[in-house]
Amino acid sequence: DEGYKGLQDSSRKPHVSPRRTASMVERLVSKLRKETGYGRRRLAW
């Protein structure tokens, strides 16, 4: 299928992560953490 290149190790990383948290939400969590210093329980609340 791929010639010599096909004999190399291929990445096992998934191409798609449908259940991953949206990047906007990740940025919001990081921003709130920096601003407040709160832990995971209070940030979730």
ModelCIF file with pLDDT and N, C-alpha, C, O atoms, coordinates in Angstrom:
data_MODEL
#
_entry.id   MODEL 
#
_entity.id                         1 
_entity.type                       polymer 
_entity.pdbx_number_of_molecules   1 
#
_entity_poly.entity_id                      1 
_entity_poly.type                           'polypeptide(L)' 
_entity_poly.nstd_linkage                   no 
_entity_poly.nstd_monomer                   no 
_entity_poly.pdbx_seq_one_letter_code       DEGYKGLQDSSRKPHVSPRRTASMVERLVSKLRKETGYGRRRLAW 
_entity_poly.pdbx_seq_one_letter_code_can   DEGYKGLQDSSRKPHVSPRRTASMVERLVSKLRKETGYGRRRLAW 
_entity_poly.pdbx_strand_id                 A 
#
loop_
_entity_poly_seq.entity_id 
_entity_poly_seq.num 
_entity_poly_seq.mon_id 
_entity_poly_seq.hetero 
1 1  ASP n 
1 2  GLU n 
1 3  GLY n 
1 4  TYR n 
1 5  LYS n 
1 6  GLY n 
1 7  LEU n 
1 8  GLN n 
1 9  ASP n 
1 10 SER n 
1 11 SER n 
1 12 ARG n 
1 13 LYS n 
1 14 PRO n 
1 15 HIS n 
1 16 VAL n 
1 17 SER n 
1 18 PRO n 
1 19 ARG n 
1 20 ARG n 
1 21 THR n 
1 22 ALA n 
1 23 SER n 
1 24 MET n 
1 25 VAL n 
1 26 GLU n 
1 27 ARG n 
1 28 LEU n 
1 29 VAL n 
1 30 SER n 
1 31 LYS n 
1 32 LEU n 
1 33 ARG n 
1 34 LYS n 
1 35 GLU n 
1 36 THR n 
1 37 GLY n 
1 38 TYR n 
1 39 GLY n 
1 40 ARG n 
1 41 ARG n 
1 42 ARG n 
1 43 LEU n 
1 44 ALA n 
1 45 TRP n 
#
_struct_asym.id          A 
_struct_asym.entity_id   1 
#
loop_
_ma_qa_metric.id 
_ma_qa_metric.mode 
_ma_qa_metric.name 
_ma_qa_metric.software_group_id 
_ma_qa_metric.type 
1 global pLDDT . pLDDT 
2 local  pLDDT . pLDDT 
#
_ma_qa_metric_global.metric_id      1 
_ma_qa_metric_global.metric_value   93.58 
_ma_qa_metric_global.model_id       1 
_ma_qa_metric_global.ordinal_id     1 
#
loop_
_ma_qa_metric_local.label_asym_id 
_ma_qa_metric_local.label_comp_id 
_ma_qa_metric_local.label_seq_id 
_ma_qa_metric_local.metric_id 
_ma_qa_metric_local.metric_value 
_ma_qa_metric_local.model_id 
_ma_qa_metric_local.ordinal_id 
A ASP 1  2 96.00 1 1  
A GLU 2  2 95.00 1 2  
A GLY 3  2 95.00 1 3  
A TYR 4  2 94.00 1 4  
A LYS 5  2 94.00 1 5  
A GLY 6  2 95.00 1 6  
A LEU 7  2 94.00 1 7  
A GLN 8  2 93.00 1 8  
A ASP 9  2 90.00 1 9  
A SER 10 2 88.00 1 10 
A SER 11 2 90.00 1 11 
A ARG 12 2 89.00 1 12 
A LYS 13 2 88.00 1 13 
A PRO 14 2 89.00 1 14 
A HIS 15 2 89.00 1 15 
A VAL 16 2 90.00 1 16 
A SER 17 2 88.00 1 17 
A PRO 18 2 89.00 1 18 
A ARG 19 2 89.00 1 19 
A ARG 20 2 89.00 1 20 
A THR 21 2 92.00 1 21 
A ALA 22 2 93.00 1 22 
A SER 23 2 93.00 1 23 
A MET 24 2 95.00 1 24 
A VAL 25 2 96.00 1 25 
A GLU 26 2 96.00 1 26 
A ARG 27 2 96.00 1 27 
A LEU 28 2 97.00 1 28 
A VAL 29 2 96.00 1 29 
A SER 30 2 95.00 1 30 
A LYS 31 2 96.00 1 31 
A LEU 32 2 96.00 1 32 
A ARG 33 2 96.00 1 33 
A LYS 34 2 96.00 1 34 
A GLU 35 2 96.00 1 35 
A THR 36 2 95.00 1 36 
A GLY 37 2 95.00 1 37 
A TYR 38 2 96.00 1 38 
A GLY 39 2 95.00 1 39 
A ARG 40 2 95.00 1 40 
A ARG 41 2 96.00 1 41 
A ARG 42 2 97.00 1 42 
A LEU 43 2 96.00 1 43 
A ALA 44 2 96.00 1 44 
A TRP 45 2 97.00 1 45 
#
loop_
_atom_site.group_PDB 
_atom_site.id 
_atom_site.type_symbol 
_atom_site.label_atom_id 
_atom_site.label_alt_id 
_atom_site.label_comp_id 
_atom_site.label_asym_id 
_atom_site.label_entity_id 
_atom_site.label_seq_id 
_atom_site.pdbx_PDB_ins_code 
_atom_site.Cartn_x 
_atom_site.Cartn_y 
_atom_site.Cartn_z 
_atom_site.occupancy 
_atom_site.B_iso_or_equiv 
_atom_site.pdbx_formal_charge 
_atom_site.auth_seq_id 
_atom_site.auth_comp_id 
_atom_site.auth_asym_id 
_atom_site.auth_atom_id 
_atom_site.pdbx_PDB_model_num 
ATOM 1   N N  . ASP A 1 1  ? 0.810   -1.221 0.000  1.00 96.00 ? 1  ASP A N  1 
ATOM 2   C CA . ASP A 1 1  ? 0.000   0.000  0.000  1.00 96.00 ? 1  ASP A CA 1 
ATOM 3   C C  . ASP A 1 1  ? 0.842   1.270  0.000  1.00 96.00 ? 1  ASP A C  1 
ATOM 4   O O  . ASP A 1 1  ? 0.535   2.217  -0.724 1.00 96.00 ? 1  ASP A O  1 
ATOM 5   N N  . GLU A 1 2  ? 1.909   1.298  0.811  1.00 95.00 ? 2  GLU A N  1 
ATOM 6   C CA . GLU A 1 2  ? 2.640   2.547  1.032  1.00 95.00 ? 2  GLU A CA 1 
ATOM 7   C C  . GLU A 1 2  ? 4.115   2.494  0.658  1.00 95.00 ? 2  GLU A C  1 
ATOM 8   O O  . GLU A 1 2  ? 4.807   3.508  0.750  1.00 95.00 ? 2  GLU A O  1 
ATOM 9   N N  . GLY A 1 3  ? 4.605   1.341  0.241  1.00 95.00 ? 3  GLY A N  1 
ATOM 10  C CA . GLY A 1 3  ? 6.018   1.216  -0.090 1.00 95.00 ? 3  GLY A CA 1 
ATOM 11  C C  . GLY A 1 3  ? 6.877   1.221  1.164  1.00 95.00 ? 3  GLY A C  1 
ATOM 12  O O  . GLY A 1 3  ? 6.433   0.791  2.229  1.00 95.00 ? 3  GLY A O  1 
ATOM 13  N N  . TYR A 1 4  ? 8.102   1.705  1.040  1.00 94.00 ? 4  TYR A N  1 
ATOM 14  C CA . TYR A 1 4  ? 9.055   1.701  2.158  1.00 94.00 ? 4  TYR A CA 1 
ATOM 15  C C  . TYR A 1 4  ? 8.514   2.454  3.364  1.00 94.00 ? 4  TYR A C  1 
ATOM 16  O O  . TYR A 1 4  ? 8.762   2.061  4.503  1.00 94.00 ? 4  TYR A O  1 
ATOM 17  N N  . LYS A 1 5  ? 7.781   3.526  3.124  1.00 94.00 ? 5  LYS A N  1 
ATOM 18  C CA . LYS A 1 5  ? 7.206   4.320  4.212  1.00 94.00 ? 5  LYS A CA 1 
ATOM 19  C C  . LYS A 1 5  ? 6.236   3.491  5.063  1.00 94.00 ? 5  LYS A C  1 
ATOM 20  O O  . LYS A 1 5  ? 6.113   3.735  6.264  1.00 94.00 ? 5  LYS A O  1 
ATOM 21  N N  . GLY A 1 6  ? 5.565   2.540  4.473  1.00 95.00 ? 6  GLY A N  1 
ATOM 22  C CA . GLY A 1 6  ? 4.620   1.698  5.189  1.00 95.00 ? 6  GLY A CA 1 
ATOM 23  C C  . GLY A 1 6  ? 5.260   0.771  6.195  1.00 95.00 ? 6  GLY A C  1 
ATOM 24  O O  . GLY A 1 6  ? 4.571   0.223  7.055  1.00 95.00 ? 6  GLY A O  1 
ATOM 25  N N  . LEU A 1 7  ? 6.572   0.583  6.105  1.00 94.00 ? 7  LEU A N  1 
ATOM 26  C CA . LEU A 1 7  ? 7.278   -0.288 7.041  1.00 94.00 ? 7  LEU A CA 1 
ATOM 27  C C  . LEU A 1 7  ? 7.661   0.436  8.332  1.00 94.00 ? 7  LEU A C  1 
ATOM 28  O O  . LEU A 1 7  ? 8.115   -0.197 9.285  1.00 94.00 ? 7  LEU A O  1 
ATOM 29  N N  . GLN A 1 8  ? 7.485   1.733  8.370  1.00 93.00 ? 8  GLN A N  1 
ATOM 30  C CA . GLN A 1 8  ? 7.800   2.494  9.575  1.00 93.00 ? 8  GLN A CA 1 
ATOM 31  C C  . GLN A 1 8  ? 6.671   2.370  10.581 1.00 93.00 ? 8  GLN A C  1 
ATOM 32  O O  . GLN A 1 8  ? 5.528   2.098  10.214 1.00 93.00 ? 8  GLN A O  1 
ATOM 33  N N  . ASP A 1 9  ? 6.997   2.571  11.855 1.00 90.00 ? 9  ASP A N  1 
ATOM 34  C CA . ASP A 1 9  ? 5.980   2.546  12.899 1.00 90.00 ? 9  ASP A CA 1 
ATOM 35  C C  . ASP A 1 9  ? 4.999   3.681  12.653 1.00 90.00 ? 9  ASP A C  1 
ATOM 36  O O  . ASP A 1 9  ? 5.394   4.799  12.321 1.00 90.00 ? 9  ASP A O  1 
ATOM 37  N N  . SER A 1 10 ? 3.716   3.382  12.820 1.00 88.00 ? 10 SER A N  1 
ATOM 38  C CA . SER A 1 10 ? 2.705   4.420  12.652 1.00 88.00 ? 10 SER A CA 1 
ATOM 39  C C  . SER A 1 10 ? 2.189   4.850  14.017 1.00 88.00 ? 10 SER A C  1 
ATOM 40  O O  . SER A 1 10 ? 2.237   4.090  14.984 1.00 88.00 ? 10 SER A O  1 
ATOM 41  N N  . SER A 1 11 ? 1.708   6.051  14.077 1.00 90.00 ? 11 SER A N  1 
ATOM 42  C CA . SER A 1 11 ? 1.198   6.607  15.327 1.00 90.00 ? 11 SER A CA 1 
ATOM 43  C C  . SER A 1 11 ? -0.065  5.877  15.745 1.00 90.00 ? 11 SER A C  1 
ATOM 44  O O  . SER A 1 11 ? -0.883  5.497  14.907 1.00 90.00 ? 11 SER A O  1 
ATOM 45  N N  . ARG A 1 12 ? -0.216  5.685  17.048 1.00 89.00 ? 12 ARG A N  1 
ATOM 46  C CA . ARG A 1 12 ? -1.420  5.054  17.575 1.00 89.00 ? 12 ARG A CA 1 
ATOM 47  C C  . ARG A 1 12 ? -2.408  6.093  18.082 1.00 89.00 ? 12 ARG A C  1 
ATOM 48  O O  . ARG A 1 12 ? -3.468  5.753  18.607 1.00 89.00 ? 12 ARG A O  1 
ATOM 49  N N  . LYS A 1 13 ? -2.053  7.351  17.921 1.00 88.00 ? 13 LYS A N  1 
ATOM 50  C CA . LYS A 1 13 ? -2.923  8.431  18.374 1.00 88.00 ? 13 LYS A CA 1 
ATOM 51  C C  . LYS A 1 13 ? -4.209  8.421  17.550 1.00 88.00 ? 13 LYS A C  1 
ATOM 52  O O  . LYS A 1 13 ? -4.152  8.304  16.326 1.00 88.00 ? 13 LYS A O  1 
ATOM 53  N N  . PRO A 1 14 ? -5.351  8.541  18.191 1.00 89.00 ? 14 PRO A N  1 
ATOM 54  C CA . PRO A 1 14 ? -6.596  8.536  17.424 1.00 89.00 ? 14 PRO A CA 1 
ATOM 55  C C  . PRO A 1 14 ? -6.708  9.781  16.545 1.00 89.00 ? 14 PRO A C  1 
ATOM 56  O O  . PRO A 1 14 ? -6.233  10.857 16.911 1.00 89.00 ? 14 PRO A O  1 
ATOM 57  N N  . HIS A 1 15 ? -7.330  9.624  15.401 1.00 89.00 ? 15 HIS A N  1 
ATOM 58  C CA . HIS A 1 15 ? -7.517  10.749 14.485 1.00 89.00 ? 15 HIS A CA 1 
ATOM 59  C C  . HIS A 1 15 ? -8.597  11.698 14.986 1.00 89.00 ? 15 HIS A C  1 
ATOM 60  O O  . HIS A 1 15 ? -8.541  12.901 14.732 1.00 89.00 ? 15 HIS A O  1 
ATOM 61  N N  . VAL A 1 16 ? -9.567  11.161 15.689 1.00 90.00 ? 16 VAL A N  1 
ATOM 62  C CA . VAL A 1 16 ? -10.691 11.946 16.181 1.00 90.00 ? 16 VAL A CA 1 
ATOM 63  C C  . VAL A 1 16 ? -10.968 11.560 17.628 1.00 90.00 ? 16 VAL A C  1 
ATOM 64  O O  . VAL A 1 16 ? -10.892 10.385 17.985 1.00 90.00 ? 16 VAL A O  1 
ATOM 65  N N  . SER A 1 17 ? -11.288 12.540 18.455 1.00 88.00 ? 17 SER A N  1 
ATOM 66  C CA . SER A 1 17 ? -11.688 12.296 19.838 1.00 88.00 ? 17 SER A CA 1 
ATOM 67  C C  . SER A 1 17 ? -13.058 12.926 20.052 1.00 88.00 ? 17 SER A C  1 
ATOM 68  O O  . SER A 1 17 ? -13.142 14.062 20.519 1.00 88.00 ? 17 SER A O  1 
ATOM 69  N N  . PRO A 1 18 ? -14.120 12.223 19.723 1.00 89.00 ? 18 PRO A N  1 
ATOM 70  C CA . PRO A 1 18 ? -15.448 12.834 19.759 1.00 89.00 ? 18 PRO A CA 1 
ATOM 71  C C  . PRO A 1 18 ? -15.917 13.227 21.156 1.00 89.00 ? 18 PRO A C  1 
ATOM 72  O O  . PRO A 1 18 ? -16.782 14.094 21.280 1.00 89.00 ? 18 PRO A O  1 
ATOM 73  N N  . ARG A 1 19 ? -15.379 12.624 22.203 1.00 89.00 ? 19 ARG A N  1 
ATOM 74  C CA . ARG A 1 19 ? -15.827 12.929 23.558 1.00 89.00 ? 19 ARG A CA 1 
ATOM 75  C C  . ARG A 1 19 ? -14.929 13.947 24.254 1.00 89.00 ? 19 ARG A C  1 
ATOM 76  O O  . ARG A 1 19 ? -15.140 14.236 25.431 1.00 89.00 ? 19 ARG A O  1 
ATOM 77  N N  . ARG A 1 20 ? -13.952 14.488 23.571 1.00 89.00 ? 20 ARG A N  1 
ATOM 78  C CA . ARG A 1 20 ? -13.048 15.451 24.177 1.00 89.00 ? 20 ARG A CA 1 
ATOM 79  C C  . ARG A 1 20 ? -13.798 16.745 24.501 1.00 89.00 ? 20 ARG A C  1 
ATOM 80  O O  . ARG A 1 20 ? -14.678 17.174 23.754 1.00 89.00 ? 20 ARG A O  1 
ATOM 81  N N  . THR A 1 21 ? -13.436 17.345 25.612 1.00 92.00 ? 21 THR A N  1 
ATOM 82  C CA . THR A 1 21 ? -14.044 18.599 26.026 1.00 92.00 ? 21 THR A CA 1 
ATOM 83  C C  . THR A 1 21 ? -13.663 19.685 25.031 1.00 92.00 ? 21 THR A C  1 
ATOM 84  O O  . THR A 1 21 ? -12.524 19.734 24.567 1.00 92.00 ? 21 THR A O  1 
ATOM 85  N N  . ALA A 1 22 ? -14.605 20.550 24.704 1.00 93.00 ? 22 ALA A N  1 
ATOM 86  C CA . ALA A 1 22 ? -14.368 21.617 23.730 1.00 93.00 ? 22 ALA A CA 1 
ATOM 87  C C  . ALA A 1 22 ? -13.230 22.526 24.205 1.00 93.00 ? 22 ALA A C  1 
ATOM 88  O O  . ALA A 1 22 ? -13.087 22.781 25.401 1.00 93.00 ? 22 ALA A O  1 
ATOM 89  N N  . SER A 1 23 ? -12.430 23.006 23.264 1.00 93.00 ? 23 SER A N  1 
ATOM 90  C CA . SER A 1 23 ? -11.282 23.834 23.617 1.00 93.00 ? 23 SER A CA 1 
ATOM 91  C C  . SER A 1 23 ? -11.709 25.133 24.295 1.00 93.00 ? 23 SER A C  1 
ATOM 92  O O  . SER A 1 23 ? -10.983 25.656 25.140 1.00 93.00 ? 23 SER A O  1 
ATOM 93  N N  . MET A 1 24 ? -12.881 25.658 23.932 1.00 95.00 ? 24 MET A N  1 
ATOM 94  C CA . MET A 1 24 ? -13.383 26.868 24.575 1.00 95.00 ? 24 MET A CA 1 
ATOM 95  C C  . MET A 1 24 ? -13.606 26.621 26.071 1.00 95.00 ? 24 MET A C  1 
ATOM 96  O O  . MET A 1 24 ? -13.272 27.466 26.902 1.00 95.00 ? 24 MET A O  1 
ATOM 97  N N  . VAL A 1 25 ? -14.172 25.459 26.405 1.00 96.00 ? 25 VAL A N  1 
ATOM 98  C CA . VAL A 1 25 ? -14.413 25.115 27.803 1.00 96.00 ? 25 VAL A CA 1 
ATOM 99  C C  . VAL A 1 25 ? -13.084 24.901 28.524 1.00 96.00 ? 25 VAL A C  1 
ATOM 100 O O  . VAL A 1 25 ? -12.932 25.313 29.674 1.00 96.00 ? 25 VAL A O  1 
ATOM 101 N N  . GLU A 1 26 ? -12.129 24.267 27.866 1.00 96.00 ? 26 GLU A N  1 
ATOM 102 C CA . GLU A 1 26 ? -10.812 24.064 28.474 1.00 96.00 ? 26 GLU A CA 1 
ATOM 103 C C  . GLU A 1 26 ? -10.148 25.404 28.790 1.00 96.00 ? 26 GLU A C  1 
ATOM 104 O O  . GLU A 1 26 ? -9.558  25.577 29.857 1.00 96.00 ? 26 GLU A O  1 
ATOM 105 N N  . ARG A 1 27 ? -10.249 26.344 27.859 1.00 96.00 ? 27 ARG A N  1 
ATOM 106 C CA . ARG A 1 27 ? -9.666  27.673 28.105 1.00 96.00 ? 27 ARG A CA 1 
ATOM 107 C C  . ARG A 1 27 ? -10.370 28.370 29.267 1.00 96.00 ? 27 ARG A C  1 
ATOM 108 O O  . ARG A 1 27 ? -9.726  29.030 30.083 1.00 96.00 ? 27 ARG A O  1 
ATOM 109 N N  . LEU A 1 28 ? -11.691 28.220 29.338 1.00 97.00 ? 28 LEU A N  1 
ATOM 110 C CA . LEU A 1 28 ? -12.450 28.821 30.426 1.00 97.00 ? 28 LEU A CA 1 
ATOM 111 C C  . LEU A 1 28 ? -12.032 28.241 31.774 1.00 97.00 ? 28 LEU A C  1 
ATOM 112 O O  . LEU A 1 28 ? -11.862 28.984 32.741 1.00 97.00 ? 28 LEU A O  1 
ATOM 113 N N  . VAL A 1 29 ? -11.866 26.929 31.849 1.00 96.00 ? 29 VAL A N  1 
ATOM 114 C CA . VAL A 1 29 ? -11.443 26.291 33.100 1.00 96.00 ? 29 VAL A CA 1 
ATOM 115 C C  . VAL A 1 29 ? -10.064 26.805 33.500 1.00 96.00 ? 29 VAL A C  1 
ATOM 116 O O  . VAL A 1 29 ? -9.839  27.142 34.663 1.00 96.00 ? 29 VAL A O  1 
ATOM 117 N N  . SER A 1 30 ? -9.148  26.865 32.549 1.00 95.00 ? 30 SER A N  1 
ATOM 118 C CA . SER A 1 30 ? -7.797  27.358 32.851 1.00 95.00 ? 30 SER A CA 1 
ATOM 119 C C  . SER A 1 30 ? -7.827  28.809 33.315 1.00 95.00 ? 30 SER A C  1 
ATOM 120 O O  . SER A 1 30 ? -7.128  29.182 34.257 1.00 95.00 ? 30 SER A O  1 
ATOM 121 N N  . LYS A 1 31 ? -8.639  29.625 32.648 1.00 96.00 ? 31 LYS A N  1 
ATOM 122 C CA . LYS A 1 31 ? -8.754  31.032 33.014 1.00 96.00 ? 31 LYS A CA 1 
ATOM 123 C C  . LYS A 1 31 ? -9.315  31.185 34.429 1.00 96.00 ? 31 LYS A C  1 
ATOM 124 O O  . LYS A 1 31 ? -8.791  31.962 35.227 1.00 96.00 ? 31 LYS A O  1 
ATOM 125 N N  . LEU A 1 32 ? -10.386 30.438 34.738 1.00 96.00 ? 32 LEU A N  1 
ATOM 126 C CA . LEU A 1 32 ? -10.970 30.505 36.078 1.00 96.00 ? 32 LEU A CA 1 
ATOM 127 C C  . LEU A 1 32 ? -9.979  30.041 37.139 1.00 96.00 ? 32 LEU A C  1 
ATOM 128 O O  . LEU A 1 32 ? -9.919  30.611 38.229 1.00 96.00 ? 32 LEU A O  1 
ATOM 129 N N  . ARG A 1 33 ? -9.214  29.026 36.829 1.00 96.00 ? 33 ARG A N  1 
ATOM 130 C CA . ARG A 1 33 ? -8.221  28.522 37.784 1.00 96.00 ? 33 ARG A CA 1 
ATOM 131 C C  . ARG A 1 33 ? -7.177  29.592 38.086 1.00 96.00 ? 33 ARG A C  1 
ATOM 132 O O  . ARG A 1 33 ? -6.807  29.795 39.243 1.00 96.00 ? 33 ARG A O  1 
ATOM 133 N N  . LYS A 1 34 ? -6.700  30.282 37.038 1.00 96.00 ? 34 LYS A N  1 
ATOM 134 C CA . LYS A 1 34 ? -5.687  31.335 37.235 1.00 96.00 ? 34 LYS A CA 1 
ATOM 135 C C  . LYS A 1 34 ? -6.253  32.513 38.012 1.00 96.00 ? 34 LYS A C  1 
ATOM 136 O O  . LYS A 1 34 ? -5.583  33.086 38.871 1.00 96.00 ? 34 LYS A O  1 
ATOM 137 N N  . GLU A 1 35 ? -7.490  32.864 37.703 1.00 96.00 ? 35 GLU A N  1 
ATOM 138 C CA . GLU A 1 35 ? -8.105  34.016 38.363 1.00 96.00 ? 35 GLU A CA 1 
ATOM 139 C C  . GLU A 1 35 ? -8.445  33.735 39.830 1.00 96.00 ? 35 GLU A C  1 
ATOM 140 O O  . GLU A 1 35 ? -8.253  34.592 40.692 1.00 96.00 ? 35 GLU A O  1 
ATOM 141 N N  . THR A 1 36 ? -8.946  32.540 40.103 1.00 95.00 ? 36 THR A N  1 
ATOM 142 C CA . THR A 1 36 ? -9.465  32.261 41.441 1.00 95.00 ? 36 THR A CA 1 
ATOM 143 C C  . THR A 1 36 ? -8.546  31.391 42.288 1.00 95.00 ? 36 THR A C  1 
ATOM 144 O O  . THR A 1 36 ? -8.523  31.521 43.512 1.00 95.00 ? 36 THR A O  1 
ATOM 145 N N  . GLY A 1 37 ? -7.792  30.508 41.649 1.00 95.00 ? 37 GLY A N  1 
ATOM 146 C CA . GLY A 1 37 ? -6.964  29.569 42.389 1.00 95.00 ? 37 GLY A CA 1 
ATOM 147 C C  . GLY A 1 37 ? -7.762  28.422 42.995 1.00 95.00 ? 37 GLY A C  1 
ATOM 148 O O  . GLY A 1 37 ? -7.228  27.650 43.791 1.00 95.00 ? 37 GLY A O  1 
ATOM 149 N N  . TYR A 1 38 ? -9.036  28.303 42.627 1.00 96.00 ? 38 TYR A N  1 
ATOM 150 C CA . TYR A 1 38 ? -9.906  27.267 43.164 1.00 96.00 ? 38 TYR A CA 1 
ATOM 151 C C  . TYR A 1 38 ? -9.508  25.889 42.626 1.00 96.00 ? 38 TYR A C  1 
ATOM 152 O O  . TYR A 1 38 ? -8.857  25.770 41.587 1.00 96.00 ? 38 TYR A O  1 
ATOM 153 N N  . GLY A 1 39 ? -9.916  24.866 43.357 1.00 95.00 ? 39 GLY A N  1 
ATOM 154 C CA . GLY A 1 39 ? -9.673  23.492 42.963 1.00 95.00 ? 39 GLY A CA 1 
ATOM 155 C C  . GLY A 1 39 ? -10.762 22.971 42.053 1.00 95.00 ? 39 GLY A C  1 
ATOM 156 O O  . GLY A 1 39 ? -11.673 23.698 41.656 1.00 95.00 ? 39 GLY A O  1 
ATOM 157 N N  . ARG A 1 40 ? -10.646 21.700 41.735 1.00 95.00 ? 40 ARG A N  1 
ATOM 158 C CA . ARG A 1 40 ? -11.545 21.100 40.744 1.00 95.00 ? 40 ARG A CA 1 
ATOM 159 C C  . ARG A 1 40 ? -13.001 21.094 41.189 1.00 95.00 ? 40 ARG A C  1 
ATOM 160 O O  . ARG A 1 40 ? -13.894 21.317 40.371 1.00 95.00 ? 40 ARG A O  1 
ATOM 161 N N  . ARG A 1 41 ? -13.257 20.842 42.473 1.00 96.00 ? 41 ARG A N  1 
ATOM 162 C CA . ARG A 1 41 ? -14.642 20.758 42.957 1.00 96.00 ? 41 ARG A CA 1 
ATOM 163 C C  . ARG A 1 41 ? -15.344 22.115 42.832 1.00 96.00 ? 41 ARG A C  1 
ATOM 164 O O  . ARG A 1 41 ? -16.465 22.201 42.332 1.00 96.00 ? 41 ARG A O  1 
ATOM 165 N N  . ARG A 1 42 ? -14.680 23.151 43.286 1.00 97.00 ? 42 ARG A N  1 
ATOM 166 C CA . ARG A 1 42 ? -15.298 24.481 43.243 1.00 97.00 ? 42 ARG A CA 1 
ATOM 167 C C  . ARG A 1 42 ? -15.392 24.988 41.802 1.00 97.00 ? 42 ARG A C  1 
ATOM 168 O O  . ARG A 1 42 ? -16.370 25.643 41.440 1.00 97.00 ? 42 ARG A O  1 
ATOM 169 N N  . LEU A 1 43 ? -14.386 24.692 40.984 1.00 96.00 ? 43 LEU A N  1 
ATOM 170 C CA . LEU A 1 43 ? -14.458 25.105 39.579 1.00 96.00 ? 43 LEU A CA 1 
ATOM 171 C C  . LEU A 1 43 ? -15.627 24.427 38.871 1.00 96.00 ? 43 LEU A C  1 
ATOM 172 O O  . LEU A 1 43 ? -16.331 25.066 38.089 1.00 96.00 ? 43 LEU A O  1 
ATOM 173 N N  . ALA A 1 44 ? -15.839 23.142 39.136 1.00 96.00 ? 44 ALA A N  1 
ATOM 174 C CA . ALA A 1 44 ? -16.974 22.436 38.531 1.00 96.00 ? 44 ALA A CA 1 
ATOM 175 C C  . ALA A 1 44 ? -18.285 23.078 38.973 1.00 96.00 ? 44 ALA A C  1 
ATOM 176 O O  . ALA A 1 44 ? -19.213 23.209 38.176 1.00 96.00 ? 44 ALA A O  1 
ATOM 177 N N  . TRP A 1 45 ? -18.361 23.472 40.226 1.00 97.00 ? 45 TRP A N  1 
ATOM 178 C CA . TRP A 1 45 ? -19.564 24.108 40.760 1.00 97.00 ? 45 TRP A CA 1 
ATOM 179 C C  . TRP A 1 45 ? -19.794 25.474 40.094 1.00 97.00 ? 45 TRP A C  1 
ATOM 180 O O  . TRP A 1 45 ? -20.763 26.162 40.416 1.00 97.00 ? 45 TRP A O  1 
#
